[in-house]
Structures are given as C-alpha cells and as structure tokens.
Amino acid sequence: MPESEHDAYLEERFPKLRPDLYRVTSPRDAAYNCFAFAANDTHHIWEYTGPGRLGGYFWPDEVKGDSLSEVIRVYELLGFQVCETADLEPDIVKLAIYVDSNSVPSHVARQTRRGTWKSKLGIRGKDIEHASLELLEGDAGDEYGQVAKLMKKRCYDTEDLDA
C-alpha cells in the first residue's frame, strides 16, 4: 500500500499496523463510527444509548441492547447473515465483528471487493484499508480484541462492495 498514506500515531496505537499492510483512506471525522461505517452510513454514530434516543445517534428500535447477539441482529436487519469464513466471495460483502476481553462488541470492519478490509478507527478517527483482520486484533494500545463473528450479504450495488 502507498507509503504516503500512513499515520505514525495509528501505528503506535495498533502495534501490528505496518506501512506495507494498511493505508489511510479518509481524514478524521467525528460524524460516524465503525458500526455505521460498516453499514455505509457516514452521517450517524451507531450506538445503543438506552430507551431514550440521544441526538446524533442511531440504533434500530427493534434492537434493545448492544451485546454481540444484538449487534448481529442490527446487521441482520440490513440483510446480513452469519457466515463461517472471511474468504473473499464474488458479489458478497462481509463484515467482521470484534469483541473485547469481556465479549463486548468493540469494532466492525467491512471487506472490500479486493479482499482487503476497511475500518473506521474510533469516533474521531480516520478510516483505513488494512490487509487483514488480524492487524486490529489484540489487547495492546487501542486494539479491538478478537473477531467473534463474520457476516455476509449478496450485493446488488457497487456502493455495497466498496471498491
């Protein structure tokens, strides 16, 4: 990946990131988080805020929490289904849901049509394209824990496939 599109701060926070394994794809933007980014929404922060909705936040009314099973339900409402492998499949978009050491969902990454992954790193962070899911796994710095579930859906729109 091009060397000019890297960030030393990110490499410090995510120790497995190396210049040849990722690239920054957007500037910092506080309008959305990784849960929204995985659903192609760059205008909202997707977060369960309890029974009363807070302005600027989105969470489906049908989902009453933010456990792993409830986060899976959020993406099922968008047409995704649980799958077993992160392998690239034609016309299929995949998501990887990470959980921290307490099994709380901490991050969602989205596969591109090339088989790489895209992630929004924190609410105020940058978007990156990274070579593998393992680059964000672990418990050091800001790492997101481990991938707990993979999901997929067939894509009929090139926007869903994310170049």
N, C-alpha and C. Protein backbone atom coordinates (compact mmCIF):
# COMPACT_ATOMS: atom_id res chain seq x y z
N MET A 1 0.85 -1.17 0.00
CA MET A 1 0.00 0.00 0.00
C MET A 1 0.90 1.24 0.00
N PRO A 2 0.47 2.34 -0.62
CA PRO A 2 1.32 3.52 -0.76
C PRO A 2 1.82 4.05 0.59
N GLU A 3 3.14 4.34 0.65
CA GLU A 3 3.74 4.78 1.90
C GLU A 3 3.25 6.14 2.37
N SER A 4 2.85 7.01 1.46
CA SER A 4 2.45 8.37 1.83
C SER A 4 1.13 8.41 2.58
N GLU A 5 0.42 7.31 2.62
CA GLU A 5 -0.91 7.30 3.23
C GLU A 5 -0.91 6.55 4.55
N HIS A 6 0.07 6.85 5.41
CA HIS A 6 0.20 6.19 6.69
C HIS A 6 0.19 7.19 7.83
N ASP A 7 0.12 6.70 9.05
CA ASP A 7 -0.03 7.56 10.20
C ASP A 7 0.74 6.95 11.37
N ALA A 8 1.79 7.61 11.80
CA ALA A 8 2.63 7.09 12.89
C ALA A 8 1.83 6.92 14.18
N TYR A 9 0.88 7.81 14.43
CA TYR A 9 0.05 7.70 15.64
C TYR A 9 -0.74 6.40 15.62
N LEU A 10 -1.34 6.07 14.46
CA LEU A 10 -2.10 4.82 14.36
C LEU A 10 -1.20 3.62 14.57
N GLU A 11 -0.01 3.68 14.02
CA GLU A 11 0.92 2.56 14.16
C GLU A 11 1.35 2.37 15.62
N GLU A 12 1.37 3.45 16.37
CA GLU A 12 1.67 3.36 17.80
C GLU A 12 0.49 2.74 18.55
N ARG A 13 -0.72 3.13 18.21
CA ARG A 13 -1.92 2.65 18.90
C ARG A 13 -2.30 1.22 18.50
N PHE A 14 -1.96 0.84 17.27
CA PHE A 14 -2.24 -0.50 16.76
C PHE A 14 -0.90 -1.12 16.35
N PRO A 15 -0.22 -1.80 17.26
CA PRO A 15 1.16 -2.24 17.04
C PRO A 15 1.39 -3.15 15.83
N LYS A 16 0.36 -3.83 15.33
CA LYS A 16 0.56 -4.71 14.17
C LYS A 16 0.48 -3.98 12.83
N LEU A 17 0.02 -2.73 12.84
CA LEU A 17 -0.05 -1.96 11.59
C LEU A 17 1.37 -1.59 11.15
N ARG A 18 1.69 -1.92 9.92
CA ARG A 18 2.97 -1.53 9.31
C ARG A 18 2.65 -0.87 7.98
N PRO A 19 3.50 0.03 7.51
CA PRO A 19 3.21 0.78 6.29
C PRO A 19 2.83 -0.07 5.08
N ASP A 20 3.35 -1.27 4.96
CA ASP A 20 3.02 -2.10 3.80
C ASP A 20 1.71 -2.86 3.97
N LEU A 21 1.04 -2.72 5.13
CA LEU A 21 -0.16 -3.50 5.40
C LEU A 21 -1.43 -2.68 5.55
N TYR A 22 -1.33 -1.36 5.44
CA TYR A 22 -2.54 -0.53 5.55
C TYR A 22 -2.30 0.81 4.87
N ARG A 23 -3.40 1.54 4.66
CA ARG A 23 -3.31 2.92 4.19
C ARG A 23 -4.50 3.69 4.75
N VAL A 24 -4.28 4.96 5.03
CA VAL A 24 -5.35 5.85 5.49
C VAL A 24 -6.18 6.22 4.28
N THR A 25 -7.51 6.14 4.40
CA THR A 25 -8.40 6.43 3.27
C THR A 25 -9.28 7.65 3.49
N SER A 26 -9.24 8.24 4.70
CA SER A 26 -10.02 9.46 4.93
C SER A 26 -9.41 10.24 6.09
N PRO A 27 -9.68 11.54 6.14
CA PRO A 27 -9.25 12.33 7.30
C PRO A 27 -10.12 11.99 8.52
N ARG A 28 -9.75 12.52 9.66
CA ARG A 28 -10.56 12.34 10.87
C ARG A 28 -11.96 12.90 10.63
N ASP A 29 -12.97 12.22 11.18
CA ASP A 29 -14.35 12.65 11.01
C ASP A 29 -15.16 12.12 12.19
N ALA A 30 -15.74 13.01 12.97
CA ALA A 30 -16.49 12.62 14.16
C ALA A 30 -17.97 12.38 13.88
N ALA A 31 -18.39 12.39 12.62
CA ALA A 31 -19.81 12.25 12.29
C ALA A 31 -20.31 10.81 12.36
N TYR A 32 -19.43 9.83 12.39
CA TYR A 32 -19.84 8.42 12.37
C TYR A 32 -18.80 7.56 13.07
N ASN A 33 -19.18 6.31 13.36
CA ASN A 33 -18.26 5.37 13.99
C ASN A 33 -18.16 4.10 13.14
N CYS A 34 -17.43 3.13 13.63
CA CYS A 34 -17.19 1.91 12.84
C CYS A 34 -18.46 1.11 12.60
N PHE A 35 -19.40 1.11 13.54
CA PHE A 35 -20.64 0.37 13.37
C PHE A 35 -21.45 0.96 12.21
N ALA A 36 -21.46 2.28 12.10
CA ALA A 36 -22.14 2.96 11.00
C ALA A 36 -21.37 2.77 9.69
N PHE A 37 -20.06 2.94 9.74
CA PHE A 37 -19.21 2.81 8.56
C PHE A 37 -19.38 1.44 7.91
N ALA A 38 -19.50 0.40 8.72
CA ALA A 38 -19.70 -0.95 8.19
C ALA A 38 -21.00 -1.06 7.41
N ALA A 39 -21.96 -0.21 7.73
CA ALA A 39 -23.26 -0.20 7.05
C ALA A 39 -23.33 0.90 5.98
N ASN A 40 -22.19 1.46 5.60
CA ASN A 40 -22.10 2.54 4.62
C ASN A 40 -22.82 3.82 5.05
N ASP A 41 -22.89 4.07 6.35
CA ASP A 41 -23.51 5.29 6.87
C ASP A 41 -22.40 6.17 7.45
N THR A 42 -22.14 7.29 6.79
CA THR A 42 -21.11 8.21 7.28
C THR A 42 -21.73 9.50 7.84
N HIS A 43 -22.99 9.39 8.30
CA HIS A 43 -23.69 10.56 8.83
C HIS A 43 -24.18 10.39 10.26
N HIS A 44 -24.04 9.18 10.82
CA HIS A 44 -24.55 8.92 12.17
C HIS A 44 -23.54 8.11 12.98
N ILE A 45 -23.66 8.22 14.27
CA ILE A 45 -22.94 7.34 15.18
C ILE A 45 -23.94 6.26 15.58
N TRP A 46 -23.62 5.01 15.27
CA TRP A 46 -24.49 3.90 15.63
C TRP A 46 -24.07 3.40 17.00
N GLU A 47 -24.94 3.63 17.97
CA GLU A 47 -24.65 3.20 19.34
C GLU A 47 -25.95 3.10 20.10
N TYR A 48 -26.09 2.03 20.85
CA TYR A 48 -27.26 1.88 21.71
C TYR A 48 -27.10 2.83 22.89
N THR A 49 -28.07 3.72 23.07
CA THR A 49 -27.99 4.71 24.14
C THR A 49 -29.08 4.51 25.18
N GLY A 50 -29.73 3.36 25.16
CA GLY A 50 -30.80 3.09 26.11
C GLY A 50 -32.15 3.46 25.52
N PRO A 51 -33.19 3.39 26.34
CA PRO A 51 -34.56 3.63 25.85
C PRO A 51 -34.77 5.03 25.26
N GLY A 52 -34.11 6.04 25.80
CA GLY A 52 -34.24 7.39 25.25
C GLY A 52 -33.14 7.64 24.23
N ARG A 53 -33.51 8.00 23.03
CA ARG A 53 -32.51 8.21 21.97
C ARG A 53 -31.84 9.57 22.12
N LEU A 54 -30.52 9.58 21.99
CA LEU A 54 -29.77 10.83 22.03
C LEU A 54 -29.60 11.37 20.62
N GLY A 55 -29.63 12.68 20.47
CA GLY A 55 -29.44 13.29 19.17
C GLY A 55 -28.10 12.93 18.55
N GLY A 56 -28.10 12.67 17.24
CA GLY A 56 -26.87 12.33 16.54
C GLY A 56 -26.54 10.86 16.57
N TYR A 57 -27.25 10.09 17.38
CA TYR A 57 -27.01 8.66 17.48
C TYR A 57 -28.13 7.89 16.78
N PHE A 58 -27.77 6.72 16.26
CA PHE A 58 -28.76 5.85 15.62
C PHE A 58 -28.61 4.45 16.18
N TRP A 59 -29.73 3.79 16.39
CA TRP A 59 -29.77 2.37 16.73
C TRP A 59 -31.17 1.89 16.38
N PRO A 60 -31.31 0.76 15.69
CA PRO A 60 -32.65 0.30 15.30
C PRO A 60 -33.55 0.11 16.52
N ASP A 61 -34.79 0.57 16.42
CA ASP A 61 -35.75 0.45 17.52
C ASP A 61 -35.98 -1.01 17.92
N GLU A 62 -35.84 -1.93 16.96
CA GLU A 62 -36.11 -3.34 17.22
C GLU A 62 -35.04 -4.00 18.09
N VAL A 63 -33.90 -3.34 18.26
CA VAL A 63 -32.77 -3.93 18.98
C VAL A 63 -32.60 -3.17 20.29
N LYS A 64 -32.69 -3.88 21.40
CA LYS A 64 -32.74 -3.24 22.72
C LYS A 64 -31.45 -3.36 23.53
N GLY A 65 -30.32 -3.45 22.88
CA GLY A 65 -29.06 -3.53 23.60
C GLY A 65 -27.89 -3.55 22.64
N ASP A 66 -26.70 -3.80 23.17
CA ASP A 66 -25.50 -3.79 22.33
C ASP A 66 -24.57 -4.97 22.61
N SER A 67 -25.15 -6.10 23.05
CA SER A 67 -24.37 -7.33 23.21
C SER A 67 -24.02 -7.86 21.82
N LEU A 68 -23.18 -8.87 21.76
CA LEU A 68 -22.82 -9.45 20.46
C LEU A 68 -24.05 -9.92 19.71
N SER A 69 -24.97 -10.61 20.37
CA SER A 69 -26.16 -11.10 19.67
C SER A 69 -27.02 -9.94 19.16
N GLU A 70 -27.05 -8.85 19.90
CA GLU A 70 -27.84 -7.70 19.46
C GLU A 70 -27.16 -6.95 18.32
N VAL A 71 -25.85 -6.86 18.33
CA VAL A 71 -25.14 -6.24 17.20
C VAL A 71 -25.34 -7.10 15.95
N ILE A 72 -25.28 -8.41 16.10
CA ILE A 72 -25.57 -9.30 14.97
C ILE A 72 -26.97 -9.00 14.44
N ARG A 73 -27.94 -8.83 15.32
CA ARG A 73 -29.32 -8.53 14.92
C ARG A 73 -29.40 -7.22 14.13
N VAL A 74 -28.63 -6.22 14.54
CA VAL A 74 -28.62 -4.94 13.81
C VAL A 74 -28.27 -5.18 12.34
N TYR A 75 -27.22 -5.95 12.09
CA TYR A 75 -26.79 -6.19 10.71
C TYR A 75 -27.71 -7.18 9.99
N GLU A 76 -28.36 -8.08 10.73
CA GLU A 76 -29.37 -8.95 10.11
C GLU A 76 -30.51 -8.11 9.55
N LEU A 77 -30.87 -7.05 10.25
CA LEU A 77 -31.92 -6.15 9.76
C LEU A 77 -31.53 -5.49 8.44
N LEU A 78 -30.23 -5.44 8.15
CA LEU A 78 -29.73 -4.88 6.89
C LEU A 78 -29.50 -5.96 5.84
N GLY A 79 -29.88 -7.19 6.14
CA GLY A 79 -29.76 -8.27 5.16
C GLY A 79 -28.54 -9.15 5.31
N PHE A 80 -27.72 -8.93 6.31
CA PHE A 80 -26.54 -9.77 6.54
C PHE A 80 -26.94 -11.04 7.27
N GLN A 81 -26.16 -12.09 7.06
CA GLN A 81 -26.34 -13.32 7.82
C GLN A 81 -24.98 -13.80 8.30
N VAL A 82 -24.98 -14.52 9.41
CA VAL A 82 -23.73 -15.04 9.97
C VAL A 82 -23.12 -16.01 8.97
N CYS A 83 -21.80 -15.96 8.83
CA CYS A 83 -21.08 -16.89 7.95
C CYS A 83 -19.85 -17.40 8.69
N GLU A 84 -19.18 -18.37 8.10
CA GLU A 84 -18.07 -19.04 8.78
C GLU A 84 -16.69 -18.56 8.38
N THR A 85 -16.56 -17.94 7.22
CA THR A 85 -15.23 -17.63 6.72
C THR A 85 -15.12 -16.18 6.24
N ALA A 86 -13.92 -15.63 6.36
CA ALA A 86 -13.64 -14.28 5.87
C ALA A 86 -13.14 -14.31 4.43
N ASP A 87 -13.10 -15.50 3.82
CA ASP A 87 -12.62 -15.62 2.45
C ASP A 87 -13.44 -14.75 1.51
N LEU A 88 -12.78 -14.15 0.53
CA LEU A 88 -13.43 -13.32 -0.46
C LEU A 88 -14.35 -14.16 -1.33
N GLU A 89 -15.57 -13.67 -1.56
CA GLU A 89 -16.53 -14.32 -2.45
C GLU A 89 -17.05 -13.25 -3.42
N PRO A 90 -17.20 -13.60 -4.71
CA PRO A 90 -17.70 -12.61 -5.68
C PRO A 90 -19.09 -12.10 -5.30
N ASP A 91 -19.29 -10.80 -5.45
CA ASP A 91 -20.58 -10.15 -5.21
C ASP A 91 -21.12 -10.33 -3.79
N ILE A 92 -20.23 -10.58 -2.85
CA ILE A 92 -20.61 -10.73 -1.44
C ILE A 92 -19.82 -9.70 -0.64
N VAL A 93 -20.50 -8.99 0.24
CA VAL A 93 -19.81 -8.10 1.18
C VAL A 93 -19.83 -8.78 2.54
N LYS A 94 -18.71 -8.69 3.24
CA LYS A 94 -18.61 -9.33 4.55
C LYS A 94 -18.25 -8.30 5.62
N LEU A 95 -18.72 -8.59 6.81
CA LEU A 95 -18.40 -7.80 7.99
C LEU A 95 -17.71 -8.70 9.01
N ALA A 96 -16.82 -8.13 9.78
CA ALA A 96 -16.18 -8.83 10.90
C ALA A 96 -16.47 -8.04 12.17
N ILE A 97 -17.08 -8.70 13.14
CA ILE A 97 -17.41 -8.05 14.41
C ILE A 97 -16.37 -8.49 15.45
N TYR A 98 -15.67 -7.51 15.99
CA TYR A 98 -14.66 -7.76 17.02
C TYR A 98 -15.32 -7.62 18.40
N VAL A 99 -14.81 -8.38 19.36
CA VAL A 99 -15.23 -8.21 20.76
C VAL A 99 -13.98 -8.04 21.62
N ASP A 100 -14.15 -7.30 22.72
CA ASP A 100 -13.03 -7.10 23.64
C ASP A 100 -12.93 -8.30 24.60
N SER A 101 -12.06 -8.21 25.58
CA SER A 101 -11.82 -9.33 26.50
C SER A 101 -13.04 -9.65 27.37
N ASN A 102 -14.03 -8.76 27.41
CA ASN A 102 -15.28 -9.01 28.13
C ASN A 102 -16.40 -9.45 27.20
N SER A 103 -16.07 -9.78 25.96
CA SER A 103 -17.03 -10.20 24.93
C SER A 103 -18.01 -9.11 24.53
N VAL A 104 -17.62 -7.85 24.73
CA VAL A 104 -18.43 -6.71 24.32
C VAL A 104 -17.99 -6.29 22.92
N PRO A 105 -18.94 -6.12 21.99
CA PRO A 105 -18.55 -5.68 20.64
C PRO A 105 -17.78 -4.36 20.70
N SER A 106 -16.63 -4.36 20.04
CA SER A 106 -15.74 -3.20 20.11
C SER A 106 -15.48 -2.55 18.75
N HIS A 107 -15.73 -3.29 17.66
CA HIS A 107 -15.38 -2.79 16.34
C HIS A 107 -16.05 -3.65 15.28
N VAL A 108 -16.30 -3.04 14.11
CA VAL A 108 -16.76 -3.79 12.93
C VAL A 108 -15.94 -3.32 11.74
N ALA A 109 -15.40 -4.27 10.98
CA ALA A 109 -14.66 -3.99 9.75
C ALA A 109 -15.46 -4.52 8.57
N ARG A 110 -15.25 -3.94 7.40
CA ARG A 110 -16.00 -4.29 6.19
C ARG A 110 -15.02 -4.70 5.10
N GLN A 111 -15.31 -5.82 4.45
CA GLN A 111 -14.44 -6.32 3.38
C GLN A 111 -14.69 -5.56 2.07
N THR A 112 -13.60 -5.31 1.34
CA THR A 112 -13.71 -4.67 0.03
C THR A 112 -13.77 -5.74 -1.06
N ARG A 113 -14.05 -5.34 -2.27
CA ARG A 113 -14.13 -6.30 -3.38
C ARG A 113 -12.77 -6.91 -3.71
N ARG A 114 -11.69 -6.32 -3.19
CA ARG A 114 -10.34 -6.88 -3.40
C ARG A 114 -9.94 -7.85 -2.30
N GLY A 115 -10.75 -7.96 -1.26
CA GLY A 115 -10.44 -8.87 -0.17
C GLY A 115 -9.73 -8.21 0.99
N THR A 116 -9.40 -6.92 0.86
CA THR A 116 -8.85 -6.18 2.00
C THR A 116 -10.03 -5.75 2.88
N TRP A 117 -9.73 -5.08 3.96
CA TRP A 117 -10.77 -4.67 4.91
C TRP A 117 -10.69 -3.17 5.14
N LYS A 118 -11.84 -2.55 5.39
CA LYS A 118 -11.89 -1.12 5.72
C LYS A 118 -12.46 -0.97 7.12
N SER A 119 -11.88 -0.02 7.85
CA SER A 119 -12.30 0.23 9.23
C SER A 119 -12.29 1.71 9.53
N LYS A 120 -13.21 2.13 10.35
CA LYS A 120 -13.21 3.46 10.94
C LYS A 120 -12.63 3.28 12.34
N LEU A 121 -11.52 3.95 12.62
CA LEU A 121 -10.81 3.75 13.88
C LEU A 121 -11.24 4.78 14.91
N GLY A 122 -12.28 4.48 15.66
CA GLY A 122 -12.78 5.37 16.70
C GLY A 122 -13.71 6.42 16.15
N ILE A 123 -14.49 7.01 17.03
CA ILE A 123 -15.47 8.02 16.60
C ILE A 123 -14.79 9.22 15.97
N ARG A 124 -13.66 9.64 16.51
CA ARG A 124 -12.95 10.80 15.96
C ARG A 124 -11.78 10.39 15.08
N GLY A 125 -11.73 9.13 14.73
CA GLY A 125 -10.58 8.61 14.00
C GLY A 125 -10.70 8.67 12.50
N LYS A 126 -9.71 8.10 11.87
CA LYS A 126 -9.62 8.03 10.42
C LYS A 126 -10.15 6.69 9.93
N ASP A 127 -10.45 6.62 8.65
CA ASP A 127 -10.77 5.35 8.00
C ASP A 127 -9.47 4.80 7.44
N ILE A 128 -9.32 3.48 7.52
CA ILE A 128 -8.15 2.85 6.91
C ILE A 128 -8.60 1.64 6.10
N GLU A 129 -7.78 1.26 5.15
CA GLU A 129 -7.90 -0.02 4.46
C GLU A 129 -6.74 -0.86 4.97
N HIS A 130 -7.04 -2.08 5.43
CA HIS A 130 -5.99 -2.92 6.00
C HIS A 130 -6.01 -4.31 5.37
N ALA A 131 -4.83 -4.92 5.33
CA ALA A 131 -4.65 -6.17 4.61
C ALA A 131 -5.35 -7.35 5.26
N SER A 132 -5.48 -7.35 6.58
CA SER A 132 -6.10 -8.50 7.26
C SER A 132 -6.82 -8.06 8.52
N LEU A 133 -7.70 -8.91 8.99
CA LEU A 133 -8.42 -8.65 10.23
C LEU A 133 -7.50 -8.71 11.44
N GLU A 134 -6.49 -9.54 11.37
CA GLU A 134 -5.57 -9.73 12.49
C GLU A 134 -4.80 -8.47 12.86
N LEU A 135 -4.67 -7.54 11.93
CA LEU A 135 -3.92 -6.31 12.20
C LEU A 135 -4.53 -5.47 13.31
N LEU A 136 -5.84 -5.61 13.55
CA LEU A 136 -6.50 -4.83 14.59
C LEU A 136 -6.83 -5.68 15.82
N GLU A 137 -6.47 -6.97 15.78
CA GLU A 137 -6.74 -7.86 16.91
C GLU A 137 -5.69 -7.71 18.00
N GLY A 138 -6.08 -7.97 19.24
CA GLY A 138 -5.16 -7.96 20.36
C GLY A 138 -5.67 -7.07 21.48
N ASP A 139 -4.85 -6.95 22.51
CA ASP A 139 -5.23 -6.16 23.68
C ASP A 139 -4.25 -5.04 23.99
N ALA A 140 -3.34 -4.74 23.06
CA ALA A 140 -2.37 -3.66 23.26
C ALA A 140 -2.91 -2.37 22.65
N GLY A 141 -2.55 -1.23 23.24
CA GLY A 141 -2.96 0.06 22.68
C GLY A 141 -4.46 0.14 22.51
N ASP A 142 -4.89 0.49 21.31
CA ASP A 142 -6.32 0.59 21.00
C ASP A 142 -6.86 -0.64 20.28
N GLU A 143 -6.11 -1.73 20.25
CA GLU A 143 -6.55 -2.92 19.53
C GLU A 143 -7.94 -3.35 20.01
N TYR A 144 -8.67 -4.04 19.13
CA TYR A 144 -10.09 -4.29 19.35
C TYR A 144 -10.43 -5.66 19.92
N GLY A 145 -9.48 -6.45 20.37
CA GLY A 145 -9.80 -7.77 20.88
C GLY A 145 -9.68 -8.80 19.77
N GLN A 146 -10.72 -9.61 19.60
CA GLN A 146 -10.71 -10.68 18.60
C GLN A 146 -11.96 -10.63 17.74
N VAL A 147 -11.86 -11.12 16.51
CA VAL A 147 -13.04 -11.26 15.67
C VAL A 147 -13.89 -12.40 16.25
N ALA A 148 -15.13 -12.09 16.57
CA ALA A 148 -16.04 -13.07 17.17
C ALA A 148 -17.04 -13.61 16.16
N LYS A 149 -17.47 -12.78 15.21
CA LYS A 149 -18.46 -13.21 14.22
C LYS A 149 -18.16 -12.57 12.88
N LEU A 150 -18.46 -13.33 11.85
CA LEU A 150 -18.40 -12.85 10.47
C LEU A 150 -19.81 -12.87 9.92
N MET A 151 -20.13 -11.90 9.07
CA MET A 151 -21.45 -11.83 8.45
C MET A 151 -21.27 -11.52 6.98
N LYS A 152 -22.27 -11.87 6.18
CA LYS A 152 -22.19 -11.60 4.75
C LYS A 152 -23.56 -11.31 4.18
N LYS A 153 -23.55 -10.63 3.02
CA LYS A 153 -24.78 -10.48 2.23
C LYS A 153 -24.39 -10.30 0.78
N ARG A 154 -25.29 -10.71 -0.09
CA ARG A 154 -25.10 -10.53 -1.53
C ARG A 154 -25.28 -9.06 -1.84
N CYS A 155 -24.46 -8.56 -2.76
CA CYS A 155 -24.51 -7.15 -3.13
C CYS A 155 -25.06 -6.98 -4.52
N TYR A 156 -25.95 -6.04 -4.64
CA TYR A 156 -26.51 -5.70 -5.94
C TYR A 156 -26.09 -4.30 -6.36
N ASP A 157 -25.36 -3.63 -5.49
CA ASP A 157 -24.99 -2.24 -5.68
C ASP A 157 -23.48 -2.12 -5.51
N THR A 158 -22.82 -1.43 -6.42
CA THR A 158 -21.37 -1.30 -6.31
C THR A 158 -20.97 -0.54 -5.05
N GLU A 159 -21.84 0.33 -4.53
CA GLU A 159 -21.53 1.04 -3.28
C GLU A 159 -21.38 0.04 -2.14
N ASP A 160 -22.21 -0.99 -2.14
CA ASP A 160 -22.11 -2.02 -1.10
C ASP A 160 -20.78 -2.74 -1.15
N LEU A 161 -20.24 -2.93 -2.35
CA LEU A 161 -18.99 -3.68 -2.49
C LEU A 161 -17.78 -2.83 -2.12
N ASP A 162 -17.91 -1.52 -2.14
CA ASP A 162 -16.84 -0.62 -1.71
C ASP A 162 -15.52 -0.96 -2.39
N ALA A 163 -15.22 -0.25 -3.43
CA ALA A 163 -14.02 -0.52 -4.26
C ALA A 163 -12.78 -0.81 -3.48
